[in-house]
Amino acid sequence: MIPQNIEEALIAVKEFFYPEELQEIDESPDIDNMIKYHHTVGRAMRNYWGLWKKGTKLKEVFKKLGIHHPDDISSIILNSFWKERHGQPIELEAQVKKYIDYWAKLNEQADNSMPIEEEE
């Protein structure tokens, strides 16, 4: 099943994990450990759910929130999955803001590093 929204994604993502991994996630006290699934489960989400393609429903949901990069989408889903399994609020707005701020800062740094033409 290709999820059409965030709620469906949080249900569907479970299918990408082995039972041992789910147990490890449940026992992990630190959300930062979810980064270890970026190249496995995260890649599966990005590829199987069409997050690299334009116009998929799940990608459009995130695009409306201001999230455009498939890596960011899969990271938000993975972190939300951890939070949900640990009985914590997903805090989607805060997660989205983190990525928007990251890209804004990166773009600002890129703009500031452009060479300035000297006047003659």
N, C-alpha and C. Protein backbone atom coordinates (compact mmCIF):
# COMPACT_ATOMS: atom_id res chain seq x y z
N MET A 1 0.83 -1.18 0.00
CA MET A 1 0.00 0.00 0.00
C MET A 1 0.88 1.25 0.00
N ILE A 2 0.62 2.15 -0.89
CA ILE A 2 1.32 3.43 -0.92
C ILE A 2 0.47 4.43 -0.15
N PRO A 3 1.01 4.95 0.95
CA PRO A 3 0.22 5.87 1.77
C PRO A 3 -0.10 7.17 1.05
N GLN A 4 -1.27 7.69 1.36
CA GLN A 4 -1.74 8.93 0.75
C GLN A 4 -1.57 10.12 1.67
N ASN A 5 -1.28 9.85 2.96
CA ASN A 5 -1.14 10.93 3.93
C ASN A 5 -0.21 10.46 5.05
N ILE A 6 0.05 11.33 5.99
CA ILE A 6 1.00 11.04 7.06
C ILE A 6 0.50 9.92 7.96
N GLU A 7 -0.77 9.93 8.27
CA GLU A 7 -1.34 8.90 9.13
C GLU A 7 -1.16 7.51 8.52
N GLU A 8 -1.45 7.40 7.22
CA GLU A 8 -1.26 6.12 6.53
C GLU A 8 0.21 5.74 6.47
N ALA A 9 1.09 6.73 6.31
CA ALA A 9 2.53 6.45 6.25
C ALA A 9 3.02 5.86 7.56
N LEU A 10 2.50 6.36 8.69
CA LEU A 10 2.93 5.86 9.99
C LEU A 10 2.47 4.42 10.22
N ILE A 11 1.40 4.04 9.59
CA ILE A 11 0.94 2.64 9.66
C ILE A 11 1.77 1.78 8.71
N ALA A 12 1.93 2.25 7.48
CA ALA A 12 2.60 1.47 6.44
C ALA A 12 4.09 1.28 6.68
N VAL A 13 4.75 2.25 7.31
CA VAL A 13 6.20 2.16 7.50
C VAL A 13 6.58 0.96 8.35
N LYS A 14 5.70 0.54 9.21
CA LYS A 14 5.97 -0.60 10.08
C LYS A 14 6.33 -1.85 9.27
N GLU A 15 5.76 -1.97 8.09
CA GLU A 15 6.00 -3.14 7.25
C GLU A 15 7.44 -3.23 6.74
N PHE A 16 8.16 -2.14 6.76
CA PHE A 16 9.55 -2.13 6.29
C PHE A 16 10.53 -2.64 7.35
N PHE A 17 10.08 -2.76 8.59
CA PHE A 17 10.96 -3.16 9.69
C PHE A 17 10.85 -4.65 9.99
N TYR A 18 11.99 -5.24 10.35
CA TYR A 18 12.00 -6.60 10.89
C TYR A 18 11.52 -6.52 12.34
N PRO A 19 10.95 -7.61 12.87
CA PRO A 19 10.50 -7.60 14.26
C PRO A 19 11.61 -7.20 15.25
N GLU A 20 12.83 -7.63 14.98
CA GLU A 20 13.95 -7.27 15.87
C GLU A 20 14.20 -5.77 15.86
N GLU A 21 14.03 -5.16 14.70
CA GLU A 21 14.24 -3.72 14.60
C GLU A 21 13.15 -2.96 15.36
N LEU A 22 11.93 -3.45 15.26
CA LEU A 22 10.83 -2.81 16.00
C LEU A 22 11.09 -2.89 17.50
N GLN A 23 11.59 -4.03 17.94
CA GLN A 23 11.91 -4.18 19.36
C GLN A 23 13.02 -3.21 19.76
N GLU A 24 14.02 -3.09 18.89
CA GLU A 24 15.13 -2.16 19.15
C GLU A 24 14.62 -0.72 19.23
N ILE A 25 13.71 -0.36 18.33
CA ILE A 25 13.13 0.98 18.35
C ILE A 25 12.37 1.20 19.64
N ASP A 26 11.59 0.21 20.03
CA ASP A 26 10.80 0.33 21.26
C ASP A 26 11.67 0.45 22.50
N GLU A 27 12.84 -0.15 22.46
CA GLU A 27 13.74 -0.13 23.62
C GLU A 27 14.70 1.06 23.58
N SER A 28 14.77 1.74 22.46
CA SER A 28 15.70 2.86 22.31
C SER A 28 15.15 4.11 22.99
N PRO A 29 15.91 4.68 23.92
CA PRO A 29 15.44 5.89 24.61
C PRO A 29 15.73 7.17 23.81
N ASP A 30 16.41 7.05 22.68
CA ASP A 30 16.87 8.24 21.95
C ASP A 30 16.37 8.23 20.51
N ILE A 31 15.58 9.22 20.16
CA ILE A 31 15.04 9.34 18.80
C ILE A 31 16.16 9.45 17.76
N ASP A 32 17.31 10.00 18.16
CA ASP A 32 18.42 10.17 17.22
C ASP A 32 18.92 8.83 16.67
N ASN A 33 18.59 7.74 17.32
CA ASN A 33 18.98 6.42 16.80
C ASN A 33 18.24 6.06 15.52
N MET A 34 17.18 6.77 15.20
CA MET A 34 16.41 6.47 13.98
C MET A 34 17.22 6.77 12.73
N ILE A 35 18.27 7.57 12.84
CA ILE A 35 19.10 7.88 11.68
C ILE A 35 19.70 6.62 11.07
N LYS A 36 19.86 5.59 11.87
CA LYS A 36 20.45 4.35 11.35
C LYS A 36 19.56 3.68 10.31
N TYR A 37 18.29 4.08 10.22
CA TYR A 37 17.37 3.49 9.25
C TYR A 37 17.23 4.35 7.99
N HIS A 38 18.00 5.43 7.89
CA HIS A 38 17.90 6.33 6.74
C HIS A 38 18.21 5.62 5.42
N HIS A 39 19.24 4.77 5.42
CA HIS A 39 19.65 4.11 4.17
C HIS A 39 18.97 2.77 3.95
N THR A 40 18.13 2.35 4.86
CA THR A 40 17.41 1.08 4.68
C THR A 40 15.92 1.37 4.56
N VAL A 41 15.27 1.56 5.67
CA VAL A 41 13.83 1.84 5.67
C VAL A 41 13.54 3.17 4.98
N GLY A 42 14.36 4.18 5.25
CA GLY A 42 14.17 5.48 4.60
C GLY A 42 14.26 5.37 3.09
N ARG A 43 15.25 4.63 2.60
CA ARG A 43 15.40 4.44 1.15
C ARG A 43 14.19 3.70 0.59
N ALA A 44 13.73 2.69 1.31
CA ALA A 44 12.55 1.94 0.85
C ALA A 44 11.34 2.87 0.73
N MET A 45 11.13 3.72 1.71
CA MET A 45 10.01 4.67 1.64
C MET A 45 10.17 5.58 0.42
N ARG A 46 11.36 6.15 0.28
CA ARG A 46 11.58 7.10 -0.82
C ARG A 46 11.36 6.44 -2.18
N ASN A 47 11.82 5.21 -2.32
CA ASN A 47 11.71 4.53 -3.61
C ASN A 47 10.34 3.92 -3.86
N TYR A 48 9.83 3.14 -2.92
CA TYR A 48 8.57 2.43 -3.11
C TYR A 48 7.36 3.35 -3.06
N TRP A 49 7.44 4.42 -2.32
CA TRP A 49 6.31 5.33 -2.21
C TRP A 49 6.39 6.48 -3.21
N GLY A 50 7.39 6.47 -4.08
CA GLY A 50 7.48 7.47 -5.14
C GLY A 50 7.82 8.87 -4.66
N LEU A 51 8.61 8.97 -3.60
CA LEU A 51 8.92 10.31 -3.06
C LEU A 51 9.89 11.09 -3.94
N TRP A 52 10.52 10.43 -4.90
CA TRP A 52 11.40 11.13 -5.84
C TRP A 52 10.61 11.64 -7.04
N LYS A 53 9.37 11.20 -7.17
CA LYS A 53 8.55 11.60 -8.32
C LYS A 53 7.70 12.81 -7.98
N LYS A 54 7.34 13.56 -9.00
CA LYS A 54 6.45 14.70 -8.81
C LYS A 54 5.01 14.20 -8.74
N GLY A 55 4.25 14.84 -7.87
CA GLY A 55 2.82 14.63 -7.88
C GLY A 55 2.27 13.46 -7.08
N THR A 56 3.12 12.68 -6.40
CA THR A 56 2.54 11.61 -5.58
C THR A 56 1.81 12.26 -4.41
N LYS A 57 0.74 11.63 -3.97
CA LYS A 57 -0.11 12.25 -2.94
C LYS A 57 0.64 12.53 -1.65
N LEU A 58 1.45 11.56 -1.19
CA LEU A 58 2.18 11.77 0.05
C LEU A 58 3.18 12.91 -0.09
N LYS A 59 3.86 12.96 -1.22
CA LYS A 59 4.81 14.05 -1.44
C LYS A 59 4.09 15.40 -1.47
N GLU A 60 2.91 15.43 -2.07
CA GLU A 60 2.14 16.67 -2.13
C GLU A 60 1.70 17.14 -0.75
N VAL A 61 1.38 16.19 0.14
CA VAL A 61 1.02 16.54 1.52
C VAL A 61 2.19 17.28 2.18
N PHE A 62 3.40 16.74 2.01
CA PHE A 62 4.57 17.37 2.61
C PHE A 62 4.92 18.67 1.90
N LYS A 63 4.74 18.71 0.61
CA LYS A 63 5.03 19.94 -0.15
C LYS A 63 4.18 21.09 0.37
N LYS A 64 2.91 20.82 0.69
CA LYS A 64 2.02 21.85 1.23
C LYS A 64 2.50 22.33 2.59
N LEU A 65 3.23 21.49 3.30
CA LEU A 65 3.79 21.87 4.60
C LEU A 65 5.11 22.64 4.45
N GLY A 66 5.67 22.64 3.22
CA GLY A 66 6.94 23.31 2.98
C GLY A 66 8.13 22.38 2.93
N ILE A 67 7.87 21.07 2.91
CA ILE A 67 8.94 20.06 2.85
C ILE A 67 8.98 19.51 1.44
N HIS A 68 10.15 19.62 0.80
CA HIS A 68 10.27 19.23 -0.60
C HIS A 68 11.22 18.07 -0.85
N HIS A 69 12.20 17.89 -0.01
CA HIS A 69 13.22 16.87 -0.27
C HIS A 69 12.78 15.51 0.28
N PRO A 70 12.87 14.46 -0.54
CA PRO A 70 12.47 13.12 -0.10
C PRO A 70 13.21 12.63 1.16
N ASP A 71 14.48 13.03 1.32
CA ASP A 71 15.21 12.64 2.54
C ASP A 71 14.55 13.25 3.78
N ASP A 72 14.10 14.49 3.65
CA ASP A 72 13.45 15.15 4.78
C ASP A 72 12.11 14.49 5.09
N ILE A 73 11.38 14.13 4.05
CA ILE A 73 10.09 13.47 4.23
C ILE A 73 10.27 12.15 4.97
N SER A 74 11.22 11.33 4.51
CA SER A 74 11.41 10.03 5.15
C SER A 74 11.92 10.20 6.58
N SER A 75 12.74 11.20 6.84
CA SER A 75 13.22 11.44 8.20
C SER A 75 12.08 11.85 9.13
N ILE A 76 11.20 12.70 8.65
CA ILE A 76 10.07 13.11 9.47
C ILE A 76 9.17 11.91 9.78
N ILE A 77 8.96 11.06 8.79
CA ILE A 77 8.13 9.87 9.01
C ILE A 77 8.81 8.94 10.01
N LEU A 78 10.11 8.70 9.86
CA LEU A 78 10.82 7.82 10.80
C LEU A 78 10.78 8.38 12.22
N ASN A 79 11.02 9.66 12.37
CA ASN A 79 10.99 10.26 13.71
C ASN A 79 9.58 10.26 14.29
N SER A 80 8.59 10.49 13.45
CA SER A 80 7.20 10.45 13.92
C SER A 80 6.82 9.03 14.34
N PHE A 81 7.33 8.05 13.62
CA PHE A 81 7.08 6.65 13.96
C PHE A 81 7.65 6.33 15.34
N TRP A 82 8.88 6.78 15.58
CA TRP A 82 9.50 6.56 16.90
C TRP A 82 8.66 7.23 17.99
N LYS A 83 8.28 8.48 17.76
CA LYS A 83 7.51 9.22 18.76
C LYS A 83 6.18 8.52 19.04
N GLU A 84 5.53 8.06 18.00
CA GLU A 84 4.25 7.38 18.16
C GLU A 84 4.42 6.10 18.99
N ARG A 85 5.45 5.33 18.70
CA ARG A 85 5.69 4.08 19.43
C ARG A 85 6.08 4.33 20.88
N HIS A 86 6.58 5.53 21.16
CA HIS A 86 6.98 5.87 22.53
C HIS A 86 5.92 6.71 23.24
N GLY A 87 4.74 6.81 22.62
CA GLY A 87 3.64 7.52 23.25
C GLY A 87 3.85 9.02 23.35
N GLN A 88 4.67 9.55 22.47
CA GLN A 88 4.94 10.99 22.49
C GLN A 88 4.17 11.68 21.36
N PRO A 89 3.84 12.95 21.54
CA PRO A 89 3.21 13.68 20.44
C PRO A 89 4.18 13.80 19.26
N ILE A 90 3.66 13.71 18.08
CA ILE A 90 4.50 13.75 16.87
C ILE A 90 5.11 15.14 16.66
N GLU A 91 4.40 16.17 17.04
CA GLU A 91 4.89 17.54 16.89
C GLU A 91 5.33 17.82 15.46
N LEU A 92 4.44 17.53 14.53
CA LEU A 92 4.74 17.67 13.11
C LEU A 92 5.21 19.07 12.76
N GLU A 93 4.54 20.07 13.31
CA GLU A 93 4.91 21.46 12.98
C GLU A 93 6.35 21.76 13.36
N ALA A 94 6.78 21.27 14.53
CA ALA A 94 8.15 21.51 14.98
C ALA A 94 9.15 20.77 14.09
N GLN A 95 8.81 19.56 13.69
CA GLN A 95 9.71 18.82 12.80
C GLN A 95 9.83 19.52 11.45
N VAL A 96 8.72 19.96 10.93
CA VAL A 96 8.71 20.67 9.65
C VAL A 96 9.55 21.94 9.75
N LYS A 97 9.35 22.70 10.83
CA LYS A 97 10.10 23.94 11.03
C LYS A 97 11.59 23.70 11.04
N LYS A 98 12.02 22.60 11.66
CA LYS A 98 13.44 22.26 11.72
C LYS A 98 14.04 22.15 10.32
N TYR A 99 13.34 21.49 9.42
CA TYR A 99 13.86 21.32 8.06
C TYR A 99 13.75 22.61 7.25
N ILE A 100 12.68 23.34 7.41
CA ILE A 100 12.54 24.62 6.71
C ILE A 100 13.65 25.57 7.14
N ASP A 101 13.91 25.63 8.44
CA ASP A 101 14.98 26.49 8.96
C ASP A 101 16.34 26.04 8.44
N TYR A 102 16.56 24.74 8.39
CA TYR A 102 17.83 24.20 7.90
C TYR A 102 18.08 24.66 6.47
N TRP A 103 17.08 24.49 5.60
CA TRP A 103 17.26 24.85 4.20
C TRP A 103 17.38 26.35 4.02
N ALA A 104 16.67 27.12 4.82
CA ALA A 104 16.76 28.59 4.73
C ALA A 104 18.17 29.04 5.09
N LYS A 105 18.72 28.46 6.16
CA LYS A 105 20.07 28.82 6.58
C LYS A 105 21.09 28.41 5.52
N LEU A 106 20.93 27.23 4.97
CA LEU A 106 21.84 26.75 3.92
C LEU A 106 21.79 27.66 2.69
N ASN A 107 20.59 28.04 2.30
CA ASN A 107 20.44 28.94 1.15
C ASN A 107 21.02 30.32 1.44
N GLU A 108 20.84 30.79 2.66
CA GLU A 108 21.40 32.08 3.06
C GLU A 108 22.93 32.03 3.00
N GLN A 109 23.51 30.96 3.49
CA GLN A 109 24.97 30.81 3.47
C GLN A 109 25.47 30.75 2.03
N ALA A 110 24.73 30.07 1.17
CA ALA A 110 25.13 29.98 -0.24
C ALA A 110 25.06 31.36 -0.89
N ASP A 111 24.02 32.12 -0.58
CA ASP A 111 23.89 33.47 -1.14
C ASP A 111 25.01 34.37 -0.66
N ASN A 112 25.38 34.22 0.61
CA ASN A 112 26.43 35.07 1.18
C ASN A 112 27.82 34.68 0.69
N SER A 113 27.97 33.50 0.13
CA SER A 113 29.29 33.08 -0.32
C SER A 113 29.53 33.43 -1.79
N MET A 114 28.54 34.03 -2.42
CA MET A 114 28.71 34.41 -3.81
C MET A 114 29.72 35.54 -3.90
N PRO A 115 30.61 35.48 -4.86
CA PRO A 115 31.59 36.57 -4.99
C PRO A 115 30.90 37.87 -5.37
N ILE A 116 31.36 38.91 -4.79
CA ILE A 116 30.82 40.24 -5.07
C ILE A 116 31.74 40.91 -6.09
N GLU A 117 31.14 41.38 -7.16
CA GLU A 117 31.94 42.04 -8.18
C GLU A 117 32.41 43.40 -7.67
N GLU A 118 33.65 43.66 -7.87
CA GLU A 118 34.20 44.95 -7.45
C GLU A 118 33.88 46.00 -8.51
N GLU A 119 33.57 47.19 -8.01
CA GLU A 119 33.32 48.28 -8.94
C GLU A 119 34.65 48.81 -9.43
N GLU A 120 34.67 49.23 -10.66
CA GLU A 120 35.91 49.77 -11.23
C GLU A 120 35.95 51.26 -11.11
